[in-house]
Amino acid sequence: MQSLSTNLVVTKSQNSIAVYGIPFSPLSYSVALSANTDVAIPIPYGMDTAIFSYSAGATVVVLEGLVGATNAVPTGTPTQTTQRINPPVCAVDPVDSNGNPLYLHLISPNPNDWVMVGFYFDGVVT
């Protein structure tokens, strides 16, 4: 598993400015989305953070839920939701309160938006 707290890479740039980066996660997924088609990515057991990367100009709605959850692009009517558009990072749970596996649901109104999701844990064992 890849931990955010113990594997943060800190170095100096050529101008001696401190910079940092997050190592690549071995638990990553990439997907090319088709317009208005929900894609469900399982949240790996033990992970609590998802870091997203998007192709240029992408508009991706992300929802955490059960495998059968409904994720739709927004309409002209205000609707209460837990969805987020292009989140850079999200806290995630691999299972719900009943022990059912959870997924990240991704949908876009655009054809050919790309999304990459890396999963990490905070390094704290409970």
Protein backbone atom coordinates (compact mmCIF):
# COMPACT_ATOMS: atom_id res chain seq x y z
CA MET A 1 0.00 0.00 0.00
CA GLN A 2 1.12 3.53 -0.69
CA SER A 3 1.05 5.93 2.27
CA LEU A 4 0.81 9.68 1.87
CA SER A 5 2.38 10.49 5.22
CA THR A 6 5.49 8.30 5.03
CA ASN A 7 6.30 8.55 1.33
CA LEU A 8 6.04 12.24 0.54
CA VAL A 9 9.04 13.15 -1.59
CA VAL A 10 10.65 16.47 -0.58
CA THR A 11 13.58 17.85 -2.57
CA LYS A 12 15.01 21.15 -3.82
CA SER A 13 14.63 22.68 -7.24
CA GLN A 14 17.59 24.01 -9.23
CA ASN A 15 16.98 27.35 -7.49
CA SER A 16 17.12 25.71 -4.03
CA ILE A 17 13.38 26.09 -3.53
CA ALA A 18 11.80 23.26 -1.56
CA VAL A 19 9.37 21.25 -3.68
CA TYR A 20 7.43 18.10 -2.94
CA GLY A 21 5.62 15.39 -4.79
CA ILE A 22 3.55 12.33 -4.17
CA PRO A 23 4.96 9.01 -5.39
CA PHE A 24 3.05 7.01 -7.98
CA SER A 25 0.52 4.65 -6.44
CA PRO A 26 0.57 0.98 -7.41
CA LEU A 27 -3.22 1.08 -6.88
CA SER A 28 -4.15 3.38 -9.75
CA TYR A 29 -6.76 3.25 -12.48
CA SER A 30 -7.07 5.10 -15.78
CA VAL A 31 -10.15 5.35 -17.96
CA ALA A 32 -11.25 7.13 -21.12
CA LEU A 33 -14.86 8.15 -20.53
CA SER A 34 -17.57 8.06 -23.16
CA ALA A 35 -20.16 10.86 -23.06
CA ASN A 36 -22.90 10.37 -20.45
CA THR A 37 -21.76 6.86 -19.49
CA ASP A 38 -21.13 6.07 -15.82
CA VAL A 39 -17.95 4.14 -15.03
CA ALA A 40 -17.53 2.56 -11.57
CA ILE A 41 -14.03 2.10 -10.09
CA PRO A 42 -13.76 -0.05 -6.94
CA ILE A 43 -12.13 1.61 -3.93
CA PRO A 44 -9.38 -0.79 -2.81
CA TYR A 45 -9.57 -2.14 0.74
CA GLY A 46 -7.46 -0.14 3.21
CA MET A 47 -7.36 3.02 1.09
CA ASP A 48 -8.75 6.32 2.39
CA THR A 49 -7.59 8.89 -0.17
CA ALA A 50 -8.10 9.20 -3.93
CA ILE A 51 -6.01 11.64 -5.99
CA PHE A 52 -7.35 12.49 -9.44
CA SER A 53 -5.74 13.67 -12.69
CA TYR A 54 -7.80 14.80 -15.68
CA SER A 55 -7.13 15.43 -19.34
CA ALA A 56 -7.14 19.07 -20.43
CA GLY A 57 -10.63 20.56 -20.49
CA ALA A 58 -12.28 17.54 -18.86
CA THR A 59 -15.54 17.94 -16.94
CA VAL A 60 -15.99 14.87 -14.77
CA VAL A 61 -18.65 14.37 -12.11
CA VAL A 62 -17.46 12.06 -9.32
CA LEU A 63 -19.72 10.26 -6.85
CA GLU A 64 -18.86 7.72 -4.13
CA GLY A 65 -21.46 4.97 -3.77
CA LEU A 66 -22.49 1.36 -4.12
CA VAL A 67 -21.94 -0.42 -7.43
CA GLY A 68 -25.53 0.32 -8.51
CA ALA A 69 -25.47 4.02 -7.54
CA THR A 70 -26.87 6.46 -10.07
CA ASN A 71 -24.42 9.13 -11.21
CA ALA A 72 -25.78 11.58 -13.75
CA VAL A 73 -24.55 14.84 -15.22
CA PRO A 74 -26.27 17.90 -13.71
CA THR A 75 -29.42 19.34 -15.26
CA GLY A 76 -31.01 22.80 -15.15
CA THR A 77 -32.92 21.90 -11.97
CA PRO A 78 -31.22 22.41 -8.58
CA THR A 79 -30.75 18.97 -7.02
CA GLN A 80 -29.24 18.03 -3.66
CA THR A 81 -26.20 15.82 -4.22
CA THR A 82 -22.89 14.57 -2.86
CA GLN A 83 -21.30 14.68 -6.33
CA ARG A 84 -18.22 16.78 -7.07
CA ILE A 85 -16.92 18.14 -10.36
CA ASN A 86 -13.22 17.49 -11.06
CA PRO A 87 -12.16 16.99 -7.45
CA PRO A 88 -8.35 17.05 -7.10
CA VAL A 89 -8.44 14.78 -4.05
CA CYS A 90 -11.16 13.07 -2.00
CA ALA A 91 -11.33 11.18 1.26
CA VAL A 92 -12.85 7.78 0.44
CA ASP A 93 -14.14 4.70 2.24
CA PRO A 94 -13.76 1.22 0.76
CA VAL A 95 -16.99 -0.01 2.41
CA ASP A 96 -20.22 1.53 3.71
CA SER A 97 -21.57 1.14 7.27
CA ASN A 98 -23.04 -2.27 6.33
CA GLY A 99 -19.75 -3.60 4.93
CA ASN A 100 -20.80 -3.25 1.26
CA PRO A 101 -17.97 -2.31 -1.12
CA LEU A 102 -17.99 1.28 -2.38
CA TYR A 103 -17.01 2.61 -5.79
CA LEU A 104 -16.09 5.91 -7.36
CA HIS A 105 -18.57 6.65 -10.14
CA LEU A 106 -17.26 8.86 -12.95
CA ILE A 107 -19.36 10.46 -15.68
CA SER A 108 -18.77 13.24 -18.19
CA PRO A 109 -20.95 15.04 -20.75
CA ASN A 110 -17.92 15.08 -23.08
CA PRO A 111 -16.62 12.27 -25.26
CA ASN A 112 -13.05 11.14 -24.59
CA ASP A 113 -12.34 12.79 -21.22
CA TRP A 114 -9.52 10.91 -19.49
CA VAL A 115 -9.29 10.34 -15.75
CA MET A 116 -6.58 8.75 -13.64
CA VAL A 117 -7.17 7.89 -9.98
CA GLY A 118 -4.44 6.93 -7.53
CA PHE A 119 -5.43 5.43 -4.18
CA TYR A 120 -3.45 6.01 -0.97
CA PHE A 121 -3.84 5.54 2.78
CA ASP A 122 -2.87 8.01 5.51
CA GLY A 123 -0.26 5.69 7.04
CA VAL A 124 -2.05 5.44 10.38
CA VAL A 125 -2.89 1.87 11.35
CA THR A 126 -5.91 1.62 13.64
